[in-house]
């Protein structure tokens, strides 16, 4: 429970950085940034650990600086800092982060009179921080806000111990040892942000794995179980990639009106936990894949490789990004064929590519439309500018209607007669698709489209009705 801070105005307030003032760890974020931009330098930084953590932090700081303007701040701590400043107190930042990081963040916030940080091979953490502060202010000559067990030595020599952003067990330990400690706020553990980081609402895309079996009219129990296992494997694999994507896209997500609320961007899931979450979901996905035909495992590995390439590099490249997105949709269909042993027809491949390309372009168009709202010229982390909106819109419609054309040619092909007794009824599917694609284009242009059109289709009442009519048409045509 929050408490109002009461202290001597002559005593300075000292604030910890990572996990206290910030909801995240600046070193972890900087290292991920370095690993993405300069992987060789990231490897050298890890080798510097042989000389101690301070050397590692300095090596990272040599090449990257934190995105200070977007890092999530603990509002309770910031309010305590502003209260202290309002009473004329001196306020200092004391952190185990490298001095360059600490000074950049302190300057950005603009409320600090000085900085204590790691430098010259000294990792300013725990007892080392306590000793430095006692040397500067004397024992019990300062108030201190921290968040972790490592702050216990500092709290013991502080005049008033304040805690914010700490897990319950740290608060309990602090209160047992120092009953007068002030709690500004705690961060209790919840599974909800971890589940959100996996984006389970996106798993609807993996229903595409069942498409080859459905197209071949394979409704056997064994076939359905195989498809179900493949869908679960692909869902877990996709979730692991979403975690990596969010790790790599932190600065851009935090600058986005909606994406800044994602668990990693908001700081509700630490980066270290995200790494474990990635390893767990990717591992489970591969274990399930090993129970399926070897061809499925091969497709899943290709999906991982393309997804990681997209997250690290391809999504920043003009037009290549939407082709890659379309391919990622299509790989799900390919995986379904590999799992069920159903060969994909060229008709299905052609239809899927163009319809998925259209949906990928819809996703980009929604991002482009936010440029008008933000009065910006370029989408951050993408290769598109505001002037490209009309071109992308035209490509969206063209790709969608080419998919309908492929379906129309299929209806008139000899192959269709082997699967359907009344193939002429399938023309109704073309009409429904033309209506649905046209509606999607209009809604996208009006800014009313969900950022992911697949999720939109799974939650929009008219889209669900259109899907039901398509399914009913195929059944009647059998």
Protein backbone atom coordinates (compact mmCIF):
# COMPACT_ATOMS: atom_id res chain seq x y z
CA UNK A 1 0.00 0.00 0.00
CA UNK A 2 1.36 3.42 -0.92
CA UNK A 3 2.49 5.67 1.90
CA UNK A 4 3.36 9.34 1.79
CA UNK A 5 7.09 9.84 2.37
CA UNK A 6 7.95 11.75 5.57
CA UNK A 7 11.61 12.68 5.95
CA UNK A 8 14.06 15.37 6.96
CA UNK A 9 14.33 17.97 4.14
CA UNK A 10 18.06 18.25 4.86
CA UNK A 11 18.63 14.58 4.07
CA UNK A 12 19.09 13.74 0.37
CA UNK A 13 16.98 11.12 -1.37
CA UNK A 14 18.88 8.41 -3.25
CA UNK A 15 17.04 6.31 -5.87
CA UNK A 16 17.99 3.00 -7.47
CA UNK A 17 17.52 2.72 -11.25
CA UNK A 18 16.83 -0.74 -12.66
CA UNK A 19 13.60 -2.24 -11.33
CA UNK A 20 12.98 0.80 -9.12
CA UNK A 21 12.83 4.06 -11.05
CA UNK A 22 12.59 2.01 -14.24
CA UNK A 23 10.31 -0.99 -14.53
CA UNK A 24 12.97 -2.70 -16.65
CA UNK A 25 16.70 -3.44 -16.55
CA UNK A 26 18.62 -1.02 -18.75
CA UNK A 27 21.55 -3.43 -19.17
CA UNK A 28 19.37 -6.28 -20.41
CA UNK A 29 17.64 -4.01 -22.91
CA UNK A 30 20.94 -2.57 -24.13
CA UNK A 31 22.43 -6.04 -24.57
CA UNK A 32 19.46 -7.20 -26.65
CA UNK A 33 19.82 -4.06 -28.76
CA UNK A 34 23.54 -4.72 -29.19
CA UNK A 35 22.94 -8.39 -30.08
CA UNK A 36 20.57 -7.31 -32.84
CA UNK A 37 22.69 -4.53 -34.31
CA UNK A 38 26.24 -5.74 -33.65
CA UNK A 39 26.27 -9.45 -32.72
CA UNK A 40 30.07 -9.69 -32.77
CA UNK A 41 30.37 -6.85 -30.28
CA UNK A 42 27.74 -8.58 -28.13
CA UNK A 43 29.93 -11.70 -28.11
CA UNK A 44 32.95 -9.62 -27.10
CA UNK A 45 30.92 -8.07 -24.30
CA UNK A 46 30.11 -11.55 -22.98
CA UNK A 47 33.81 -12.42 -23.07
CA UNK A 48 34.45 -9.29 -20.99
CA UNK A 49 32.55 -10.97 -18.16
CA UNK A 50 35.83 -12.71 -17.34
CA UNK A 51 36.98 -9.34 -16.01
CA UNK A 52 33.83 -8.80 -13.95
CA UNK A 53 30.30 -7.47 -14.38
CA UNK A 54 31.47 -3.85 -14.46
CA UNK A 55 33.68 -4.65 -17.46
CA UNK A 56 30.75 -6.35 -19.19
CA UNK A 57 28.51 -3.32 -18.61
CA UNK A 58 31.21 -0.98 -19.89
CA UNK A 59 31.70 -3.11 -23.00
CA UNK A 60 27.97 -2.92 -23.78
CA UNK A 61 27.89 0.82 -23.12
CA UNK A 62 30.78 1.32 -25.55
CA UNK A 63 28.48 0.48 -28.45
CA UNK A 64 24.85 1.25 -27.50
CA UNK A 65 22.94 3.73 -25.40
CA UNK A 66 19.53 3.12 -23.79
CA UNK A 67 16.42 4.46 -25.52
CA UNK A 68 15.88 6.85 -22.62
CA UNK A 69 12.78 8.53 -23.98
CA UNK A 70 10.75 5.33 -24.15
CA UNK A 71 11.81 3.34 -21.06
CA UNK A 72 8.83 2.66 -18.74
CA UNK A 73 9.10 4.59 -15.46
CA UNK A 74 7.59 3.65 -12.09
CA UNK A 75 5.22 6.55 -11.49
CA UNK A 76 5.21 6.06 -7.70
CA UNK A 77 8.98 6.48 -7.55
CA UNK A 78 8.95 9.43 -9.92
CA UNK A 79 6.29 11.10 -7.76
CA UNK A 80 8.45 10.55 -4.65
CA UNK A 81 11.38 12.15 -6.47
CA UNK A 82 9.27 15.16 -7.47
CA UNK A 83 7.96 15.52 -3.92
CA UNK A 84 11.51 15.56 -2.59
CA UNK A 85 12.58 18.14 -5.16
CA UNK A 86 9.55 20.24 -4.29
CA UNK A 87 10.69 20.35 -0.65
CA UNK A 88 14.15 21.52 -1.68
CA UNK A 89 15.86 18.18 -1.07
CA UNK A 90 18.80 16.93 -3.10
CA UNK A 91 18.03 13.82 -5.15
CA UNK A 92 20.63 11.37 -6.48
CA UNK A 93 20.54 8.32 -8.74
CA UNK A 94 22.57 5.35 -7.45
CA UNK A 95 22.76 2.33 -9.71
CA UNK A 96 24.84 -0.65 -10.71
CA UNK A 97 24.36 0.36 -14.35
CA UNK A 98 27.28 1.84 -16.27
CA UNK A 99 27.76 5.56 -15.61
CA UNK A 100 27.03 6.44 -19.24
CA UNK A 101 23.64 4.74 -19.02
CA UNK A 102 22.85 6.31 -15.66
CA UNK A 103 23.78 9.83 -16.72
CA UNK A 104 21.78 9.58 -19.95
CA UNK A 105 18.66 8.46 -18.06
CA UNK A 106 19.15 11.03 -15.27
CA UNK A 107 19.49 13.79 -17.87
CA UNK A 108 16.36 12.61 -19.66
CA UNK A 109 14.26 12.66 -16.48
CA UNK A 110 15.85 15.91 -15.31
CA UNK A 111 15.20 15.55 -11.56
CA UNK A 112 18.62 14.51 -10.23
CA UNK A 113 21.46 16.46 -8.64
CA UNK A 114 24.06 13.75 -9.20
CA UNK A 115 24.74 10.14 -10.19
CA UNK A 116 26.50 7.22 -8.51
CA UNK A 117 27.14 4.36 -10.95
CA UNK A 118 29.44 1.53 -11.98
CA UNK A 119 32.75 2.68 -13.45
CA UNK A 120 36.49 1.96 -13.44
CA UNK A 121 35.92 -1.77 -12.92
CA UNK A 122 33.72 -1.31 -9.82
CA UNK A 123 30.22 -2.82 -9.98
CA UNK A 124 28.17 -0.50 -7.75
CA UNK A 125 25.79 -3.06 -6.28
CA UNK A 126 24.94 -4.29 -2.80
CA UNK A 127 27.67 -3.58 -0.24
CA UNK A 128 29.73 -1.60 -2.76
CA UNK A 129 26.82 0.81 -3.24
CA UNK A 130 26.25 1.05 0.50
CA UNK A 131 29.91 1.91 1.11
CA UNK A 132 29.93 4.56 -1.63
CA UNK A 133 26.81 6.26 -0.26
CA UNK A 134 28.06 6.19 3.34
CA UNK A 135 31.32 7.78 2.15
CA UNK A 136 29.32 10.52 0.41
CA UNK A 137 26.59 11.22 3.00
CA UNK A 138 27.50 9.36 6.15
CA UNK A 139 25.69 6.49 7.85
CA UNK A 140 21.94 7.21 8.01
CA UNK A 141 22.65 10.42 6.12
CA UNK A 142 20.30 9.65 3.24
CA UNK A 143 16.97 8.06 2.37
CA UNK A 144 17.07 5.24 -0.17
CA UNK A 145 14.50 3.76 -2.57
CA UNK A 146 15.31 0.26 -3.83
CA UNK A 147 13.55 -2.87 -5.05
CA UNK A 148 15.66 -6.01 -4.60
CA UNK A 149 17.41 -8.21 -2.06
CA UNK A 150 20.70 -6.72 -3.28
CA UNK A 151 19.55 -3.40 -1.79
CA UNK A 152 19.45 -4.75 1.78
CA UNK A 153 23.00 -3.52 2.64
CA UNK A 154 22.01 -0.04 1.43
CA UNK A 155 18.72 0.03 3.35
CA UNK A 156 20.59 -0.93 6.55
CA UNK A 157 22.76 2.20 6.40
CA UNK A 158 20.01 4.55 5.18
CA UNK A 159 18.03 6.96 7.39
CA UNK A 160 14.72 5.82 5.85
CA UNK A 161 14.28 2.67 3.78
CA UNK A 162 11.77 2.99 0.94
CA UNK A 163 10.79 0.18 -1.41
CA UNK A 164 9.01 0.15 -4.76
CA UNK A 165 8.64 -2.41 -7.50
CA UNK A 166 9.80 -5.24 -5.25
CA UNK A 167 8.29 -8.73 -5.11
CA UNK A 168 6.33 -9.54 -1.92
CA UNK A 169 9.10 -11.66 -0.37
CA UNK A 170 11.55 -8.73 -0.51
CA UNK A 171 9.01 -6.39 1.08
CA UNK A 172 8.32 -8.96 3.80
CA UNK A 173 12.01 -9.36 4.56
CA UNK A 174 12.56 -5.61 4.63
CA UNK A 175 9.61 -4.99 6.97
CA UNK A 176 10.78 -7.77 9.30
CA UNK A 177 14.21 -6.19 9.63
CA UNK A 178 13.12 -2.54 9.40
CA UNK A 179 9.52 -2.04 10.56
CA UNK A 180 9.69 1.69 9.75
CA UNK A 181 10.32 1.01 6.04
CA UNK A 182 8.00 2.79 3.61
CA UNK A 183 6.37 0.86 0.77
CA UNK A 184 5.62 2.96 -2.31
CA UNK A 185 4.39 0.03 -4.38
CA UNK A 186 4.89 -3.68 -5.06
CA UNK A 187 4.80 -5.86 -8.15
CA UNK A 188 2.98 -9.08 -7.43
CA UNK A 189 3.45 -12.00 -9.80
CA UNK A 190 0.67 -12.72 -12.27
CA UNK A 191 0.46 -15.20 -15.13
CA UNK A 192 -1.71 -12.86 -17.20
CA UNK A 193 1.12 -10.75 -18.75
CA UNK A 194 3.05 -13.92 -19.60
CA UNK A 195 0.02 -15.36 -21.36
CA UNK A 196 -0.48 -12.06 -23.16
CA UNK A 197 3.16 -12.17 -24.30
CA UNK A 198 2.38 -15.51 -26.01
CA UNK A 199 -0.49 -13.83 -27.92
CA UNK A 200 -2.92 -16.77 -27.74
CA UNK A 201 -5.44 -14.76 -29.79
CA UNK A 202 -3.07 -15.23 -32.73
CA UNK A 203 -3.35 -19.01 -32.55
CA UNK A 204 -6.44 -18.77 -34.74
CA UNK A 205 -4.01 -18.41 -37.67
CA UNK A 206 -2.82 -21.96 -37.08
CA UNK A 207 -6.20 -23.31 -38.13
CA UNK A 208 -4.62 -23.00 -41.60
CA UNK A 209 -2.70 -26.17 -40.74
CA UNK A 210 -5.97 -28.07 -41.17
CA UNK A 211 -6.63 -26.66 -44.66
CA UNK A 212 -4.89 -29.40 -46.74
CA UNK A 213 -6.75 -32.18 -44.93
CA UNK A 214 -10.06 -30.36 -45.31
CA UNK A 215 -9.41 -29.65 -48.99
CA UNK A 216 -8.69 -33.36 -49.53
CA UNK A 217 -11.82 -34.32 -47.52
CA UNK A 218 -9.76 -36.32 -44.99
CA UNK A 219 -12.03 -36.45 -41.93
CA UNK A 220 -10.66 -39.63 -40.33
CA UNK A 221 -10.03 -39.72 -36.56
CA UNK A 222 -6.30 -40.37 -37.04
CA UNK A 223 -6.07 -37.51 -39.51
CA UNK A 224 -7.84 -35.11 -37.16
CA UNK A 225 -5.54 -36.04 -34.23
CA UNK A 226 -2.50 -35.48 -36.41
CA UNK A 227 -3.76 -32.10 -37.52
CA UNK A 228 -4.56 -31.12 -33.93
CA UNK A 229 -1.03 -32.03 -32.77
CA UNK A 230 0.42 -30.04 -35.66
CA UNK A 231 -1.71 -27.03 -34.77
CA UNK A 232 -0.58 -27.10 -31.13
CA UNK A 233 3.06 -27.46 -32.17
CA UNK A 234 2.77 -24.55 -34.57
CA UNK A 235 0.94 -22.41 -32.00
CA UNK A 236 3.70 -22.88 -29.44
CA UNK A 237 6.36 -22.23 -32.08
CA UNK A 238 4.62 -19.07 -33.25
CA UNK A 239 4.31 -17.84 -29.65
CA UNK A 240 8.04 -18.29 -29.11
CA UNK A 241 8.68 -16.11 -32.16
CA UNK A 242 6.25 -13.46 -30.90
CA UNK A 243 8.32 -13.26 -27.71
CA UNK A 244 11.53 -12.79 -29.69
CA UNK A 245 9.87 -10.22 -31.93
CA UNK A 246 8.72 -8.21 -28.90
CA UNK A 247 12.24 -8.37 -27.43
CA UNK A 248 13.77 -7.01 -30.61
CA UNK A 249 11.07 -4.40 -31.23
CA UNK A 250 10.99 -2.75 -27.79
CA UNK A 251 11.88 0.85 -28.81
CA UNK A 252 9.40 0.84 -31.70
CA UNK A 253 6.64 -0.77 -29.61
CA UNK A 254 7.05 1.82 -26.86
CA UNK A 255 6.68 4.60 -29.39
CA UNK A 256 3.42 3.05 -30.67
CA UNK A 257 0.05 4.08 -29.20
CA UNK A 258 -1.22 0.49 -28.79
CA UNK A 259 1.90 -1.69 -28.81
CA UNK A 260 3.42 0.15 -25.83
CA UNK A 261 0.98 -1.80 -23.65
CA UNK A 262 2.50 -5.16 -24.64
CA UNK A 263 3.95 -6.96 -21.59
CA UNK A 264 7.62 -6.59 -22.55
CA UNK A 265 7.26 -3.00 -23.68
CA UNK A 266 5.37 -2.07 -20.50
CA UNK A 267 7.91 -3.84 -18.28
CA UNK A 268 5.43 -6.33 -16.79
CA UNK A 269 7.48 -9.25 -18.16
CA UNK A 270 11.26 -8.89 -17.61
CA UNK A 271 13.57 -9.67 -20.52
CA UNK A 272 15.23 -12.49 -18.57
CA UNK A 273 11.82 -14.12 -18.12
CA UNK A 274 11.08 -13.58 -21.81
CA UNK A 275 14.18 -15.59 -22.72
CA UNK A 276 12.97 -18.48 -20.55
CA UNK A 277 9.49 -18.18 -22.05
CA UNK A 278 10.96 -18.40 -25.56
CA UNK A 279 13.05 -21.45 -24.71
CA UNK A 280 10.09 -23.21 -23.07
CA UNK A 281 7.58 -22.66 -25.88
CA UNK A 282 10.10 -23.36 -28.65
CA UNK A 283 11.22 -26.54 -26.88
CA UNK A 284 7.68 -27.84 -26.41
CA UNK A 285 6.90 -27.04 -30.05
CA UNK A 286 9.86 -29.10 -31.25
CA UNK A 287 9.04 -32.00 -28.91
CA UNK A 288 5.54 -32.22 -30.39
CA UNK A 289 6.97 -31.92 -33.90
CA UNK A 290 9.19 -34.95 -33.28
CA UNK A 291 6.03 -37.03 -32.77
CA UNK A 292 4.81 -36.11 -36.27
CA UNK A 293 6.21 -36.97 -39.73
CA UNK A 294 9.76 -35.75 -40.31
CA UNK A 295 8.57 -33.49 -43.13
CA UNK A 296 6.54 -31.48 -40.61
CA UNK A 297 9.62 -30.92 -38.45
CA UNK A 298 11.47 -29.66 -41.53
CA UNK A 299 8.69 -27.18 -42.32
CA UNK A 300 8.63 -26.01 -38.69
CA UNK A 301 12.39 -25.38 -38.76
CA UNK A 302 11.94 -23.33 -41.95
CA UNK A 303 9.19 -21.37 -40.20
CA UNK A 304 11.50 -20.63 -37.26
CA UNK A 305 14.30 -19.53 -39.59
CA UNK A 306 12.08 -17.27 -41.71
CA UNK A 307 10.32 -15.83 -38.65
CA UNK A 308 13.59 -14.96 -36.94
CA UNK A 309 14.91 -13.45 -40.18
CA UNK A 310 11.74 -11.41 -40.41
CA UNK A 311 12.03 -10.20 -36.80
CA UNK A 312 15.70 -9.27 -37.10
CA UNK A 313 15.93 -7.92 -40.65
CA UNK A 314 13.22 -8.56 -43.26
CA UNK A 315 10.42 -6.57 -41.61
CA UNK A 316 12.39 -3.37 -42.18
CA UNK A 317 12.62 -3.90 -45.95
CA UNK A 318 10.14 -2.43 -48.40
CA UNK A 319 7.79 -5.05 -49.93
CA UNK A 320 10.06 -7.91 -48.84
CA UNK A 321 8.35 -7.76 -45.45
CA UNK A 322 4.83 -8.40 -46.80
CA UNK A 323 6.06 -11.21 -49.06
CA UNK A 324 7.71 -12.77 -46.00
CA UNK A 325 4.48 -12.36 -44.02
CA UNK A 326 2.50 -14.02 -46.80
CA UNK A 327 5.04 -16.84 -46.83
CA UNK A 328 4.68 -17.28 -43.06
CA UNK A 329 0.93 -17.69 -43.51
CA UNK A 330 1.52 -20.10 -46.38
CA UNK A 331 4.03 -22.18 -44.44
CA UNK A 332 1.21 -23.10 -42.06
CA UNK A 333 -0.66 -24.66 -44.97
CA UNK A 334 2.51 -26.40 -46.10
CA UNK A 335 2.99 -27.73 -42.55
CA UNK A 336 -0.55 -29.12 -42.59
CA UNK A 337 0.18 -30.98 -45.79
CA UNK A 338 3.43 -32.35 -44.35
CA UNK A 339 1.72 -33.50 -41.13
CA UNK A 340 -1.28 -35.15 -42.80
CA UNK A 341 0.60 -36.49 -45.82
CA UNK A 342 -1.71 -34.63 -48.21
CA UNK A 343 0.13 -33.22 -51.27
CA UNK A 344 -0.71 -29.58 -51.97
CA UNK A 345 -2.26 -28.77 -55.33
CA UNK A 346 -0.90 -25.83 -57.33
CA UNK A 347 -4.40 -24.32 -57.11
CA UNK A 348 -4.30 -24.25 -53.32
CA UNK A 349 -0.75 -22.87 -53.27
CA UNK A 350 -1.63 -20.09 -55.71
CA UNK A 351 -4.83 -19.14 -53.90
CA UNK A 352 -3.14 -19.11 -50.48
CA UNK A 353 -0.20 -16.99 -51.62
CA UNK A 354 -2.31 -14.21 -53.08
CA UNK A 355 -4.94 -14.14 -50.34
CA UNK A 356 -2.23 -14.07 -47.67
CA UNK A 357 -0.30 -11.38 -49.53
CA UNK A 358 -3.47 -9.29 -49.53
CA UNK A 359 -3.91 -9.78 -45.77
CA UNK A 360 -0.26 -8.91 -45.13
CA UNK A 361 -0.74 -5.69 -47.10
CA UNK A 362 -3.85 -4.91 -45.04
CA UNK A 363 -1.72 -5.20 -41.90
CA UNK A 364 0.82 -2.74 -43.31
CA UNK A 365 -1.90 -0.36 -44.45
CA UNK A 366 -3.29 -0.09 -40.91
CA UNK A 367 0.19 0.88 -39.71
CA UNK A 368 0.51 3.43 -42.48
CA UNK A 369 -2.77 5.08 -41.53
CA UNK A 370 -1.41 5.81 -38.04
CA UNK A 371 1.11 8.15 -39.69
CA UNK A 372 -1.71 10.61 -40.39
CA UNK A 373 -2.76 10.48 -36.74
CA UNK A 374 0.80 10.95 -35.48
CA UNK A 375 1.68 13.51 -38.17
CA UNK A 376 4.70 11.37 -39.07
CA UNK A 377 6.20 10.60 -42.47
CA UNK A 378 7.63 7.11 -41.89
CA UNK A 379 6.54 4.04 -39.94
CA UNK A 380 9.17 3.38 -37.27
CA UNK A 381 11.04 0.15 -37.91
CA UNK A 382 9.49 -0.28 -41.37
CA UNK A 383 10.41 0.72 -44.91
CA UNK A 384 7.25 2.67 -45.74
CA UNK A 385 6.35 6.36 -45.92
CA UNK A 386 3.07 8.23 -45.88
CA UNK A 387 3.08 8.69 -49.66
CA UNK A 388 3.00 4.88 -50.08
CA UNK A 389 -0.54 4.49 -48.69
CA UNK A 390 -2.29 4.63 -52.08
CA UNK A 391 0.15 2.16 -53.63
CA UNK A 392 -0.24 -0.31 -50.78
CA UNK A 393 -4.03 0.01 -50.93
CA UNK A 394 -4.00 -0.77 -54.66
CA UNK A 395 -1.74 -3.79 -54.15
CA UNK A 396 -4.04 -5.03 -51.36
CA UNK A 397 -7.09 -5.08 -53.63
CA UNK A 398 -5.15 -6.50 -56.58
CA UNK A 399 -3.71 -9.41 -54.56
CA UNK A 400 -7.09 -10.27 -53.05
CA UNK A 401 -8.89 -10.36 -56.37
CA UNK A 402 -6.11 -12.39 -58.02
CA UNK A 403 -6.78 -14.98 -55.30
CA UNK A 404 -10.46 -14.99 -56.32
CA UNK A 405 -9.39 -15.42 -59.95
CA UNK A 406 -7.28 -18.47 -59.02
CA UNK A 407 -10.33 -19.95 -57.27
CA UNK A 408 -12.48 -19.27 -60.35
CA UNK A 409 -9.97 -21.04 -62.60
CA UNK A 410 -9.92 -23.97 -60.18
CA UNK A 411 -13.72 -24.26 -60.37
CA UNK A 412 -13.41 -24.67 -64.15
CA UNK A 413 -10.53 -27.17 -63.95
CA UNK A 414 -10.87 -30.96 -64.41
CA UNK A 415 -9.51 -31.55 -60.88
CA UNK A 416 -12.58 -30.11 -59.19
CA UNK A 417 -14.92 -32.78 -60.57
CA UNK A 418 -13.11 -35.52 -58.63
CA UNK A 419 -13.94 -33.88 -55.30
CA UNK A 420 -17.32 -32.19 -55.89
CA UNK A 421 -20.52 -33.44 -57.50
CA UNK A 422 -21.83 -29.89 -57.96
CA UNK A 423 -18.72 -27.72 -58.59
CA UNK A 424 -20.85 -25.00 -60.20
CA UNK A 425 -22.14 -24.12 -56.73
CA UNK A 426 -18.60 -23.06 -55.78
CA UNK A 427 -19.11 -19.86 -57.78
CA UNK A 428 -21.00 -18.63 -54.73
CA UNK A 429 -17.71 -18.77 -52.82
CA UNK A 430 -16.17 -16.35 -55.33
CA UNK A 431 -19.06 -13.93 -54.81
CA UNK A 432 -18.75 -14.13 -51.01
CA UNK A 433 -14.98 -13.60 -51.17
CA UNK A 434 -15.35 -10.58 -53.47
CA UNK A 435 -17.79 -9.05 -50.99
CA UNK A 436 -15.60 -9.82 -47.98
CA UNK A 437 -12.37 -8.56 -49.57
CA UNK A 438 -14.09 -5.38 -50.73
CA UNK A 439 -15.44 -4.77 -47.23
CA UNK A 440 -11.99 -5.35 -45.72
CA UNK A 441 -10.50 -2.79 -48.13
CA UNK A 442 -13.14 -0.20 -47.22
CA UNK A 443 -12.77 -0.75 -43.47
CA UNK A 444 -9.00 -0.57 -43.77
CA UNK A 445 -9.18 2.71 -45.66
CA UNK A 446 -11.49 4.12 -42.97
CA UNK A 447 -9.06 3.11 -40.21
CA UNK A 448 -11.53 0.62 -38.72
CA UNK A 449 -9.47 -2.51 -39.29
CA UNK A 450 -7.79 -4.48 -36.49
CA UNK A 451 -4.04 -4.48 -37.01
CA UNK A 452 -4.13 -8.19 -37.72
CA UNK A 453 -6.80 -8.99 -40.35
CA UNK A 454 -6.88 -12.68 -39.38
CA UNK A 455 -7.81 -11.78 -35.80
CA UNK A 456 -10.33 -9.30 -37.20
CA UNK A 457 -11.91 -12.01 -39.35
CA UNK A 458 -12.18 -14.32 -36.34
CA UNK A 459 -13.97 -11.71 -34.22
CA UNK A 460 -16.01 -9.74 -36.75
CA UNK A 461 -19.64 -10.88 -36.96
CA UNK A 462 -20.03 -10.31 -40.69
CA UNK A 463 -16.73 -12.06 -41.43
CA UNK A 464 -17.83 -15.06 -39.37
CA UNK A 465 -21.13 -15.15 -41.25
CA UNK A 466 -19.25 -15.02 -44.57
CA UNK A 467 -17.01 -17.86 -43.40
CA UNK A 468 -20.02 -19.94 -42.42
CA UNK A 469 -21.61 -19.37 -45.84
CA UNK A 470 -18.38 -20.43 -47.58
CA UNK A 471 -18.19 -23.60 -45.48
CA UNK A 472 -21.86 -24.39 -46.14
CA UNK A 473 -21.34 -23.90 -49.89
CA UNK A 474 -18.45 -26.35 -49.96
CA UNK A 475 -20.51 -28.93 -48.02
CA UNK A 476 -23.54 -28.57 -50.34
CA UNK A 477 -21.29 -28.87 -53.39
CA UNK A 478 -19.90 -32.24 -52.25
